[in-house]
Amino acid sequence: VLSALVAVIPAIWLVGRERSRRAGRRNLASRETEFRPIDP
């Protein structure tokens, strides 16, 4: 129980950082697809 209580804040921070990193990759890929110039 003590270990879980001590780890809860760092665990939430780690989960948030990982999800933010993945969301950033998805947004970047979406922008690249959206604004990729179409070859004539």
PDB file of all heavy atoms in Angstrom:
ATOM      1  N   VAL A   1       0.835  -1.214   0.000  1.00  0.00           N
ATOM      2  CA  VAL A   1       0.000   0.000   0.000  1.00  0.00           C
ATOM      3  C   VAL A   1       0.861   1.251   0.000  1.00  0.00           C
ATOM      4  O   VAL A   1       0.610   2.212  -0.742  1.00  0.00           O
ATOM      5  CB  VAL A   1      -0.960  -0.012   1.229  1.00  0.00           C
ATOM      6  CG1 VAL A   1      -1.661   1.334   1.366  1.00  0.00           C
ATOM      7  CG2 VAL A   1      -1.969  -1.126   1.089  1.00  0.00           C
ATOM      8  N   LEU A   2       1.894   1.251   0.850  1.00  0.00           N
ATOM      9  CA  LEU A   2       2.782   2.418   0.897  1.00  0.00           C
ATOM     10  C   LEU A   2       3.485   2.631  -0.448  1.00  0.00           C
ATOM     11  O   LEU A   2       3.637   3.764  -0.920  1.00  0.00           O
ATOM     12  CB  LEU A   2       3.815   2.235   2.022  1.00  0.00           C
ATOM     13  CG  LEU A   2       3.260   2.295   3.451  1.00  0.00           C
ATOM     14  CD1 LEU A   2       4.357   1.998   4.464  1.00  0.00           C
ATOM     15  CD2 LEU A   2       2.641   3.677   3.731  1.00  0.00           C
ATOM     16  N   SER A   3       3.912   1.544  -1.048  1.00  0.00           N
ATOM     17  CA  SER A   3       4.595   1.656  -2.356  1.00  0.00           C
ATOM     18  C   SER A   3       3.647   2.232  -3.394  1.00  0.00           C
ATOM     19  O   SER A   3       4.029   3.078  -4.227  1.00  0.00           O
ATOM     20  CB  SER A   3       5.115   0.297  -2.804  1.00  0.00           C
ATOM     21  OG  SER A   3       6.056  -0.214  -1.887  1.00  0.00           O
ATOM     22  N   ALA A   4       2.387   1.793  -3.389  1.00  0.00           N
ATOM     23  CA  ALA A   4       1.419   2.308  -4.362  1.00  0.00           C
ATOM     24  C   ALA A   4       1.154   3.784  -4.136  1.00  0.00           C
ATOM     25  O   ALA A   4       1.061   4.570  -5.095  1.00  0.00           O
ATOM     26  CB  ALA A   4       0.121   1.508  -4.264  1.00  0.00           C
ATOM     27  N   LEU A   5       1.035   4.179  -2.843  1.00  0.00           N
ATOM     28  CA  LEU A   5       0.781   5.596  -2.549  1.00  0.00           C
ATOM     29  C   LEU A   5       1.961   6.469  -2.969  1.00  0.00           C
ATOM     30  O   LEU A   5       1.786   7.566  -3.498  1.00  0.00           O
ATOM     31  CB  LEU A   5       0.496   5.766  -1.052  1.00  0.00           C
ATOM     32  CG  LEU A   5      -0.828   5.176  -0.551  1.00  0.00           C
ATOM     33  CD1 LEU A   5      -0.939   5.309   0.967  1.00  0.00           C
ATOM     34  CD2 LEU A   5      -2.009   5.881  -1.229  1.00  0.00           C
ATOM     35  N   VAL A   6       3.161   5.978  -2.716  1.00  0.00           N
ATOM     36  CA  VAL A   6       4.355   6.747  -3.100  1.00  0.00           C
ATOM     37  C   VAL A   6       4.488   6.818  -4.624  1.00  0.00           C
ATOM     38  O   VAL A   6       4.909   7.838  -5.190  1.00  0.00           O
ATOM     39  CB  VAL A   6       5.610   6.112  -2.465  1.00  0.00           C
ATOM     40  CG1 VAL A   6       6.880   6.748  -3.041  1.00  0.00           C
ATOM     41  CG2 VAL A   6       5.572   6.268  -0.955  1.00  0.00           C
ATOM     42  N   ALA A   7       4.092   5.763  -5.314  1.00  0.00           N
ATOM     43  CA  ALA A   7       4.312   5.698  -6.767  1.00  0.00           C
ATOM     44  C   ALA A   7       3.201   6.333  -7.580  1.00  0.00           C
ATOM     45  O   ALA A   7       3.360   6.530  -8.792  1.00  0.00           O
ATOM     46  CB  ALA A   7       4.466   4.237  -7.201  1.00  0.00           C
ATOM     47  N   VAL A   8       2.051   6.671  -6.940  1.00  0.00           N
ATOM     48  CA  VAL A   8       0.910   7.110  -7.736  1.00  0.00           C
ATOM     49  C   VAL A   8       1.181   8.413  -8.480  1.00  0.00           C
ATOM     50  O   VAL A   8       0.841   8.545  -9.664  1.00  0.00           O
ATOM     51  CB  VAL A   8      -0.361   7.204  -6.846  1.00  0.00           C
ATOM     52  CG1 VAL A   8      -0.237   8.324  -5.819  1.00  0.00           C
ATOM     53  CG2 VAL A   8      -1.590   7.404  -7.715  1.00  0.00           C
ATOM     54  N   ILE A   9       1.809   9.370  -7.806  1.00  0.00           N
ATOM     55  CA  ILE A   9       2.074  10.651  -8.480  1.00  0.00           C
ATOM     56  C   ILE A   9       3.098  10.480  -9.613  1.00  0.00           C
ATOM     57  O   ILE A   9       2.855  10.918 -10.760  1.00  0.00           O
ATOM     58  CB  ILE A   9       2.541  11.713  -7.471  1.00  0.00           C
ATOM     59  CG1 ILE A   9       1.459  11.953  -6.415  1.00  0.00           C
ATOM     60  CG2 ILE A   9       2.880  13.029  -8.208  1.00  0.00           C
ATOM     61  CD1 ILE A   9       0.138  12.422  -6.984  1.00  0.00           C
ATOM     62  N   PRO A  10       4.256   9.855  -9.353  1.00  0.00           N
ATOM     63  CA  PRO A  10       5.186   9.626 -10.471  1.00  0.00           C
ATOM     64  C   PRO A  10       4.568   8.791 -11.596  1.00  0.00           C
ATOM     65  O   PRO A  10       4.846   9.026 -12.779  1.00  0.00           O
ATOM     66  CB  PRO A  10       6.359   8.882  -9.822  1.00  0.00           C
ATOM     67  CG  PRO A  10       6.296   9.261  -8.393  1.00  0.00           C
ATOM     68  CD  PRO A  10       4.839   9.412  -8.079  1.00  0.00           C
ATOM     69  N   ALA A  11       3.704   7.822 -11.239  1.00  0.00           N
ATOM     70  CA  ALA A  11       3.099   6.979 -12.274  1.00  0.00           C
ATOM     71  C   ALA A  11       2.168   7.803 -13.163  1.00  0.00           C
ATOM     72  O   ALA A  11       2.155   7.654 -14.385  1.00  0.00           O
ATOM     73  CB  ALA A  11       2.339   5.827 -11.628  1.00  0.00           C
ATOM     74  N   ILE A  12       1.365   8.694 -12.523  1.00  0.00           N
ATOM     75  CA  ILE A  12       0.474   9.551 -13.324  1.00  0.00           C
ATOM     76  C   ILE A  12       1.294  10.463 -14.231  1.00  0.00           C
ATOM     77  O   ILE A  12       0.954  10.688 -15.395  1.00  0.00           O
ATOM     78  CB  ILE A  12      -0.444  10.365 -12.391  1.00  0.00           C
ATOM     79  CG1 ILE A  12      -1.428   9.434 -11.675  1.00  0.00           C
ATOM     80  CG2 ILE A  12      -1.200  11.438 -13.178  1.00  0.00           C
ATOM     81  CD1 ILE A  12      -2.258  10.140 -10.612  1.00  0.00           C
ATOM     82  N   TRP A  13       2.418  10.967 -13.711  1.00  0.00           N
ATOM     83  CA  TRP A  13       3.271  11.852 -14.517  1.00  0.00           C
ATOM     84  C   TRP A  13       3.881  11.092 -15.705  1.00  0.00           C
ATOM     85  O   TRP A  13       3.900  11.590 -16.830  1.00  0.00           O
ATOM     86  CB  TRP A  13       4.378  12.430 -13.628  1.00  0.00           C
ATOM     87  CG  TRP A  13       5.326  13.315 -14.391  1.00  0.00           C
ATOM     88  CD1 TRP A  13       5.145  14.606 -14.756  1.00  0.00           C
ATOM     89  CD2 TRP A  13       6.614  12.925 -14.879  1.00  0.00           C
ATOM     90  NE1 TRP A  13       6.226  15.076 -15.452  1.00  0.00           N
ATOM     91  CE2 TRP A  13       7.151  14.057 -15.547  1.00  0.00           C
ATOM     92  CE3 TRP A  13       7.370  11.750 -14.828  1.00  0.00           C
ATOM     93  CZ2 TRP A  13       8.401  14.038 -16.154  1.00  0.00           C
ATOM     94  CZ3 TRP A  13       8.616  11.740 -15.422  1.00  0.00           C
ATOM     95  CH2 TRP A  13       9.119  12.878 -16.089  1.00  0.00           C
ATOM     96  N   LEU A  14       4.341   9.868 -15.436  1.00  0.00           N
ATOM     97  CA  LEU A  14       4.923   9.076 -16.524  1.00  0.00           C
ATOM     98  C   LEU A  14       3.877   8.733 -17.588  1.00  0.00           C
ATOM     99  O   LEU A  14       4.159   8.810 -18.798  1.00  0.00           O
ATOM    100  CB  LEU A  14       5.524   7.780 -15.962  1.00  0.00           C
ATOM    101  CG  LEU A  14       6.844   7.916 -15.186  1.00  0.00           C
ATOM    102  CD1 LEU A  14       7.211   6.583 -14.559  1.00  0.00           C
ATOM    103  CD2 LEU A  14       7.962   8.387 -16.120  1.00  0.00           C
ATOM    104  N   VAL A  15       2.692   8.357 -17.149  1.00  0.00           N
ATOM    105  CA  VAL A  15       1.630   8.045 -18.114  1.00  0.00           C
ATOM    106  C   VAL A  15       1.294   9.278 -18.938  1.00  0.00           C
ATOM    107  O   VAL A  15       1.120   9.209 -20.161  1.00  0.00           O
ATOM    108  CB  VAL A  15       0.388   7.505 -17.380  1.00  0.00           C
ATOM    109  CG1 VAL A  15      -0.809   7.447 -18.319  1.00  0.00           C
ATOM    110  CG2 VAL A  15       0.665   6.129 -16.797  1.00  0.00           C
ATOM    111  N   GLY A  16       1.183  10.431 -18.260  1.00  0.00           N
ATOM    112  CA  GLY A  16       0.862  11.665 -18.991  1.00  0.00           C
ATOM    113  C   GLY A  16       1.931  12.037 -19.996  1.00  0.00           C
ATOM    114  O   GLY A  16       1.629  12.449 -21.135  1.00  0.00           O
ATOM    115  N   ARG A  17       3.201  11.885 -19.628  1.00  0.00           N
ATOM    116  CA  ARG A  17       4.282  12.219 -20.559  1.00  0.00           C
ATOM    117  C   ARG A  17       4.268  11.292 -21.773  1.00  0.00           C
ATOM    118  O   ARG A  17       4.437  11.732 -22.914  1.00  0.00           O
ATOM    119  CB  ARG A  17       5.626  12.128 -19.846  1.00  0.00           C
ATOM    120  CG  ARG A  17       6.780  12.647 -20.698  1.00  0.00           C
ATOM    121  CD  ARG A  17       8.101  12.533 -19.992  1.00  0.00           C
ATOM    122  NE  ARG A  17       8.504  11.134 -19.866  1.00  0.00           N
ATOM    123  CZ  ARG A  17       9.730  10.751 -19.446  1.00  0.00           C
ATOM    124  NH1 ARG A  17      10.621  11.659 -19.093  1.00  0.00           N
ATOM    125  NH2 ARG A  17      10.035   9.465 -19.348  1.00  0.00           N
ATOM    126  N   GLU A  18       4.033  10.004 -21.542  1.00  0.00           N
ATOM    127  CA  GLU A  18       4.018   9.051 -22.653  1.00  0.00           C
ATOM    128  C   GLU A  18       2.843   9.321 -23.591  1.00  0.00           C
ATOM    129  O   GLU A  18       2.994   9.283 -24.822  1.00  0.00           O
ATOM    130  CB  GLU A  18       3.942   7.621 -22.112  1.00  0.00           C
ATOM    131  CG  GLU A  18       3.919   6.541 -23.176  1.00  0.00           C
ATOM    132  CD  GLU A  18       5.162   6.486 -24.029  1.00  0.00           C
ATOM    133  OE1 GLU A  18       6.207   7.009 -23.594  1.00  0.00           O
ATOM    134  OE2 GLU A  18       5.085   5.916 -25.148  1.00  0.00           O
ATOM    135  N   ARG A  19       1.680   9.599 -23.014  1.00  0.00           N
ATOM    136  CA  ARG A  19       0.515   9.865 -23.871  1.00  0.00           C
ATOM    137  C   ARG A  19       0.683  11.180 -24.633  1.00  0.00           C
ATOM    138  O   ARG A  19       0.259  11.302 -25.778  1.00  0.00           O
ATOM    139  CB  ARG A  19      -0.764   9.895 -23.028  1.00  0.00           C
ATOM    140  CG  ARG A  19      -1.178   8.510 -22.552  1.00  0.00           C
ATOM    141  CD  ARG A  19      -2.483   8.556 -21.768  1.00  0.00           C
ATOM    142  NE  ARG A  19      -3.589   9.023 -22.591  1.00  0.00           N
ATOM    143  CZ  ARG A  19      -4.262   8.246 -23.437  1.00  0.00           C
ATOM    144  NH1 ARG A  19      -3.923   6.964 -23.588  1.00  0.00           N
ATOM    145  NH2 ARG A  19      -5.265   8.735 -24.138  1.00  0.00           N
ATOM    146  N   SER A  20       1.315  12.185 -24.009  1.00  0.00           N
ATOM    147  CA  SER A  20       1.579  13.445 -24.715  1.00  0.00           C
ATOM    148  C   SER A  20       2.550  13.234 -25.863  1.00  0.00           C
ATOM    149  O   SER A  20       2.385  13.805 -26.949  1.00  0.00           O
ATOM    150  CB  SER A  20       2.141  14.484 -23.731  1.00  0.00           C
ATOM    151  OG  SER A  20       1.197  14.794 -22.733  1.00  0.00           O
ATOM    152  N   ARG A  21       3.567  12.402 -25.621  1.00  0.00           N
ATOM    153  CA  ARG A  21       4.528  12.122 -26.686  1.00  0.00           C
ATOM    154  C   ARG A  21       3.857  11.420 -27.855  1.00  0.00           C
ATOM    155  O   ARG A  21       4.078  11.765 -29.022  1.00  0.00           O
ATOM    156  CB  ARG A  21       5.664  11.266 -26.132  1.00  0.00           C
ATOM    157  CG  ARG A  21       6.783  10.982 -27.121  1.00  0.00           C
ATOM    158  CD  ARG A  21       7.908  10.218 -26.445  1.00  0.00           C
ATOM    159  NE  ARG A  21       7.452   8.928 -25.992  1.00  0.00           N
ATOM    160  CZ  ARG A  21       7.385   7.832 -26.766  1.00  0.00           C
ATOM    161  NH1 ARG A  21       7.739   7.920 -28.053  1.00  0.00           N
ATOM    162  NH2 ARG A  21       6.971   6.683 -26.294  1.00  0.00           N
ATOM    163  N   ARG A  22       2.997  10.445 -27.592  1.00  0.00           N
ATOM    164  CA  ARG A  22       2.306   9.740 -28.668  1.00  0.00           C
ATOM    165  C   ARG A  22       1.321  10.654 -29.388  1.00  0.00           C
ATOM    166  O   ARG A  22       1.187  10.592 -30.619  1.00  0.00           O
ATOM    167  CB  ARG A  22       1.573   8.526 -28.097  1.00  0.00           C
ATOM    168  CG  ARG A  22       2.517   7.445 -27.573  1.00  0.00           C
ATOM    169  CD  ARG A  22       1.744   6.212 -27.166  1.00  0.00           C
ATOM    170  NE  ARG A  22       2.633   5.151 -26.703  1.00  0.00           N
ATOM    171  CZ  ARG A  22       2.228   3.945 -26.341  1.00  0.00           C
ATOM    172  NH1 ARG A  22       0.929   3.643 -26.393  1.00  0.00           N
ATOM    173  NH2 ARG A  22       3.098   3.038 -25.937  1.00  0.00           N
ATOM    174  N   ALA A  23       0.635  11.496 -28.631  1.00  0.00           N
ATOM    175  CA  ALA A  23      -0.301  12.440 -29.265  1.00  0.00           C
ATOM    176  C   ALA A  23       0.439  13.410 -30.168  1.00  0.00           C
ATOM    177  O   ALA A  23      -0.038  13.768 -31.255  1.00  0.00           O
ATOM    178  CB  ALA A  23      -1.085  13.191 -28.191  1.00  0.00           C
ATOM    179  N   GLY A  24       1.632  13.847 -29.738  1.00  0.00           N
ATOM    180  CA  GLY A  24       2.421  14.745 -30.583  1.00  0.00           C
ATOM    181  C   GLY A  24       2.837  14.084 -31.877  1.00  0.00           C
ATOM    182  O   GLY A  24       2.808  14.696 -32.947  1.00  0.00           O
ATOM    183  N   ARG A  25       3.212  12.809 -31.815  1.00  0.00           N
ATOM    184  CA  ARG A  25       3.581  12.080 -33.038  1.00  0.00           C
ATOM    185  C   ARG A  25       2.387  11.956 -33.983  1.00  0.00           C
ATOM    186  O   ARG A  25       2.512  12.128 -35.193  1.00  0.00           O
ATOM    187  CB  ARG A  25       4.110  10.693 -32.686  1.00  0.00           C
ATOM    188  CG  ARG A  25       5.508  10.698 -32.081  1.00  0.00           C
ATOM    189  CD  ARG A  25       5.952   9.277 -31.804  1.00  0.00           C
ATOM    190  NE  ARG A  25       7.317   9.224 -31.274  1.00  0.00           N
ATOM    191  CZ  ARG A  25       7.932   8.106 -30.911  1.00  0.00           C
ATOM    192  NH1 ARG A  25       7.295   6.946 -31.022  1.00  0.00           N
ATOM    193  NH2 ARG A  25       9.160   8.138 -30.447  1.00  0.00           N
ATOM    194  N   ARG A  26       1.215  11.650 -33.395  1.00  0.00           N
ATOM    195  CA  ARG A  26       0.020  11.526 -34.248  1.00  0.00           C
ATOM    196  C   ARG A  26      -0.326  12.857 -34.906  1.00  0.00           C
ATOM    197  O   ARG A  26      -0.680  12.908 -36.085  1.00  0.00           O
ATOM    198  CB  ARG A  26      -1.164  11.018 -33.420  1.00  0.00           C
ATOM    199  CG  ARG A  26      -1.070   9.554 -33.032  1.00  0.00           C
ATOM    200  CD  ARG A  26      -2.425   9.048 -32.551  1.00  0.00           C
ATOM    201  NE  ARG A  26      -2.876   9.784 -31.369  1.00  0.00           N
ATOM    202  CZ  ARG A  26      -2.616   9.420 -30.118  1.00  0.00           C
ATOM    203  NH1 ARG A  26      -1.901   8.326 -29.878  1.00  0.00           N
ATOM    204  NH2 ARG A  26      -3.073  10.112 -29.102  1.00  0.00           N
ATOM    205  N   ASN A  27      -0.236  13.945 -34.147  1.00  0.00           N
ATOM    206  CA  ASN A  27      -0.548  15.258 -34.717  1.00  0.00           C
ATOM    207  C   ASN A  27       0.437  15.635 -35.811  1.00  0.00           C
ATOM    208  O   ASN A  27       0.063  16.202 -36.844  1.00  0.00           O
ATOM    209  CB  ASN A  27      -0.536  16.323 -33.618  1.00  0.00           C
ATOM    210  CG  ASN A  27      -1.686  16.151 -32.651  1.00  0.00           C
ATOM    211  OD1 ASN A  27      -2.718  15.578 -33.003  1.00  0.00           O
ATOM    212  ND2 ASN A  27      -1.515  16.637 -31.421  1.00  0.00           N
ATOM    213  N   LEU A  28       1.727  15.318 -35.599  1.00  0.00           N
ATOM    214  CA  LEU A  28       2.729  15.629 -36.608  1.00  0.00           C
ATOM    215  C   LEU A  28       2.479  14.833 -37.883  1.00  0.00           C
ATOM    216  O   LEU A  28       2.532  15.374 -38.999  1.00  0.00           O
ATOM    217  CB  LEU A  28       4.123  15.328 -36.060  1.00  0.00           C
ATOM    218  CG  LEU A  28       5.301  15.585 -37.019  1.00  0.00           C
ATOM    219  CD1 LEU A  28       5.329  17.047 -37.431  1.00  0.00           C
ATOM    220  CD2 LEU A  28       6.618  15.170 -36.379  1.00  0.00           C
ATOM    221  N   ALA A  29       2.173  13.547 -37.730  1.00  0.00           N
ATOM    222  CA  ALA A  29       1.888  12.720 -38.915  1.00  0.00           C
ATOM    223  C   ALA A  29       0.643  13.219 -39.636  1.00  0.00           C
ATOM    224  O   ALA A  29       0.581  13.238 -40.868  1.00  0.00           O
ATOM    225  CB  ALA A  29       1.716  11.257 -38.500  1.00  0.00           C
ATOM    226  N   SER A  30      -0.354  13.655 -38.847  1.00  0.00           N
ATOM    227  CA  SER A  30      -1.584  14.171 -39.467  1.00  0.00           C
ATOM    228  C   SER A  30      -1.314  15.437 -40.246  1.00  0.00           C
ATOM    229  O   SER A  30      -1.816  15.621 -41.364  1.00  0.00           O
ATOM    230  CB  SER A  30      -2.630  14.415 -38.386  1.00  0.00           C
ATOM    231  OG  SER A  30      -3.799  14.984 -38.945  1.00  0.00           O
ATOM    232  N   ARG A  31      -0.496  16.348 -39.672  1.00  0.00           N
ATOM    233  CA  ARG A  31      -0.171  17.593 -40.377  1.00  0.00           C
ATOM    234  C   ARG A  31       0.631  17.329 -41.626  1.00  0.00           C
ATOM    235  O   ARG A  31       0.420  17.953 -42.669  1.00  0.00           O
ATOM    236  CB  ARG A  31       0.589  18.551 -39.448  1.00  0.00           C
ATOM    237  CG  ARG A  31      -0.279  19.200 -38.386  1.00  0.00           C
ATOM    238  CD  ARG A  31       0.411  20.392 -37.787  1.00  0.00           C
ATOM    239  NE  ARG A  31       1.665  20.015 -37.144  1.00  0.00           N
ATOM    240  CZ  ARG A  31       1.779  19.648 -35.872  1.00  0.00           C
ATOM    241  NH1 ARG A  31       0.700  19.575 -35.102  1.00  0.00           N
ATOM    242  NH2 ARG A  31       2.947  19.340 -35.353  1.00  0.00           N
ATOM    243  N   GLU A  32       1.587  16.378 -41.547  1.00  0.00           N
ATOM    244  CA  GLU A  32       2.387  16.060 -42.727  1.00  0.00           C
ATOM    245  C   GLU A  32       1.513  15.498 -43.837  1.00  0.00           C
ATOM    246  O   GLU A  32       1.686  15.798 -45.019  1.00  0.00           O
ATOM    247  CB  GLU A  32       3.486  15.063 -42.359  1.00  0.00           C
ATOM    248  CG  GLU A  32       4.590  15.672 -41.511  1.00  0.00           C
ATOM    249  CD  GLU A  32       5.633  14.642 -41.139  1.00  0.00           C
ATOM    250  OE1 GLU A  32       5.381  13.440 -41.367  1.00  0.00           O
ATOM    251  OE2 GLU A  32       6.694  15.034 -40.621  1.00  0.00           O
ATOM    252  N   THR A  33       0.541  14.651 -43.452  1.00  0.00           N
ATOM    253  CA  THR A  33      -0.368  14.096 -44.460  1.00  0.00           C
ATOM    254  C   THR A  33      -1.269  15.164 -45.037  1.00  0.00           C
ATOM    255  O   THR A  33      -1.538  15.203 -46.240  1.00  0.00           O
ATOM    256  CB  THR A  33      -1.212  12.979 -43.829  1.00  0.00           C
ATOM    257  OG1 THR A  33      -0.346  11.984 -43.295  1.00  0.00           O
ATOM    258  CG2 THR A  33      -2.139  12.362 -44.866  1.00  0.00           C
ATOM    259  N   GLU A  34      -1.729  16.073 -44.182  1.00  0.00           N
ATOM    260  CA  GLU A  34      -2.665  17.114 -44.620  1.00  0.00           C
ATOM    261  C   GLU A  34      -2.012  18.120 -45.537  1.00  0.00           C
ATOM    262  O   GLU A  34      -2.605  18.567 -46.521  1.00  0.00           O
ATOM    263  CB  GLU A  34      -3.250  17.809 -43.395  1.00  0.00           C
ATOM    264  CG  GLU A  34      -4.265  18.899 -43.723  1.00  0.00           C
ATOM    265  CD  GLU A  34      -4.838  19.534 -42.472  1.00  0.00           C
ATOM    266  OE1 GLU A  34      -4.503  19.083 -41.351  1.00  0.00           O
ATOM    267  OE2 GLU A  34      -5.632  20.483 -42.623  1.00  0.00           O
ATOM    268  N   PHE A  35      -0.763  18.511 -45.211  1.00  0.00           N
ATOM    269  CA  PHE A  35      -0.109  19.572 -45.958  1.00  0.00           C
ATOM    270  C   PHE A  35       0.941  19.066 -46.934  1.00  0.00           C
ATOM    271  O   PHE A  35       1.717  19.839 -47.466  1.00  0.00           O
ATOM    272  CB  PHE A  35       0.557  20.571 -44.991  1.00  0.00           C
ATOM    273  CG  PHE A  35      -0.426  21.281 -44.113  1.00  0.00           C
ATOM    274  CD1 PHE A  35      -0.546  20.949 -42.773  1.00  0.00           C
ATOM    275  CD2 PHE A  35      -1.258  22.257 -44.636  1.00  0.00           C
ATOM    276  CE1 PHE A  35      -1.466  21.603 -41.964  1.00  0.00           C
ATOM    277  CE2 PHE A  35      -2.172  22.916 -43.828  1.00  0.00           C
ATOM    278  CZ  PHE A  35      -2.278  22.582 -42.493  1.00  0.00           C
ATOM    279  N   ARG A  36       0.987  17.745 -47.142  1.00  0.00           N
ATOM    280  CA  ARG A  36       1.954  17.210 -48.098  1.00  0.00           C
ATOM    281  C   ARG A  36       1.581  17.680 -49.506  1.00  0.00           C
ATOM    282  O   ARG A  36       0.448  17.492 -49.954  1.00  0.00           O
ATOM    283  CB  ARG A  36       1.952  15.689 -48.058  1.00  0.00           C
ATOM    284  CG  ARG A  36       2.984  15.044 -48.982  1.00  0.00           C
ATOM    285  CD  ARG A  36       2.928  13.550 -48.826  1.00  0.00           C
ATOM    286  NE  ARG A  36       3.264  13.161 -47.454  1.00  0.00           N
ATOM    287  CZ  ARG A  36       2.787  12.070 -46.861  1.00  0.00           C
ATOM    288  NH1 ARG A  36       1.919  11.306 -47.500  1.00  0.00           N
ATOM    289  NH2 ARG A  36       3.144  11.771 -45.623  1.00  0.00           N
ATOM    290  N   PRO A  37       2.517  18.332 -50.202  1.00  0.00           N
ATOM    291  CA  PRO A  37       2.183  18.824 -51.555  1.00  0.00           C
ATOM    292  C   PRO A  37       1.894  17.670 -52.501  1.00  0.00           C
ATOM    293  O   PRO A  37       2.539  16.630 -52.457  1.00  0.00           O
ATOM    294  CB  PRO A  37       3.447  19.591 -51.968  1.00  0.00           C
ATOM    295  CG  PRO A  37       4.548  19.004 -51.133  1.00  0.00           C
ATOM    296  CD  PRO A  37       3.907  18.620 -49.813  1.00  0.00           C
ATOM    297  N   ILE A  38       0.903  17.869 -53.307  1.00  0.00           N
ATOM    298  CA  ILE A  38       0.518  16.862 -54.284  1.00  0.00           C
ATOM    299  C   ILE A  38       1.326  17.086 -55.548  1.00  0.00           C
ATOM    300  O   ILE A  38       1.347  18.189 -56.107  1.00  0.00           O
ATOM    301  CB  ILE A  38      -0.989  16.951 -54.584  1.00  0.00           C
ATOM    302  CG1 ILE A  38      -1.791  16.710 -53.298  1.00  0.00           C
ATOM    303  CG2 ILE A  38      -1.383  15.956 -55.655  1.00  0.00           C
ATOM    304  CD1 ILE A  38      -3.273  16.884 -53.473  1.00  0.00           C
ATOM    305  N   ASP A  39       2.031  16.055 -55.962  1.00  0.00           N
ATOM    306  CA  ASP A  39       2.831  16.171 -57.182  1.00  0.00           C
ATOM    307  C   ASP A  39       1.906  16.350 -58.381  1.00  0.00           C
ATOM    308  O   ASP A  39       0.915  15.618 -58.526  1.00  0.00           O
ATOM    309  CB  ASP A  39       3.687  14.919 -57.384  1.00  0.00           C
ATOM    310  CG  ASP A  39       4.737  14.779 -56.292  1.00  0.00           C
ATOM    311  OD1 ASP A  39       5.131  15.813 -55.735  1.00  0.00           O
ATOM    312  OD2 ASP A  39       5.143  13.631 -56.003  1.00  0.00           O
ATOM    313  N   PRO A  40       2.203  17.334 -59.210  1.00  0.00           N
ATOM    314  CA  PRO A  40       1.365  17.509 -60.400  1.00  0.00           C
ATOM    315  C   PRO A  40       1.513  16.311 -61.319  1.00  0.00           C
ATOM    316  O   PRO A  40       2.559  15.662 -61.354  1.00  0.00           O
ATOM    317  CB  PRO A  40       1.939  18.776 -61.058  1.00  0.00           C
ATOM    318  CG  PRO A  40       3.347  18.853 -60.556  1.00  0.00           C
ATOM    319  CD  PRO A  40       3.321  18.285 -59.165  1.00  0.00           C
TER     320      PRO A  40
END
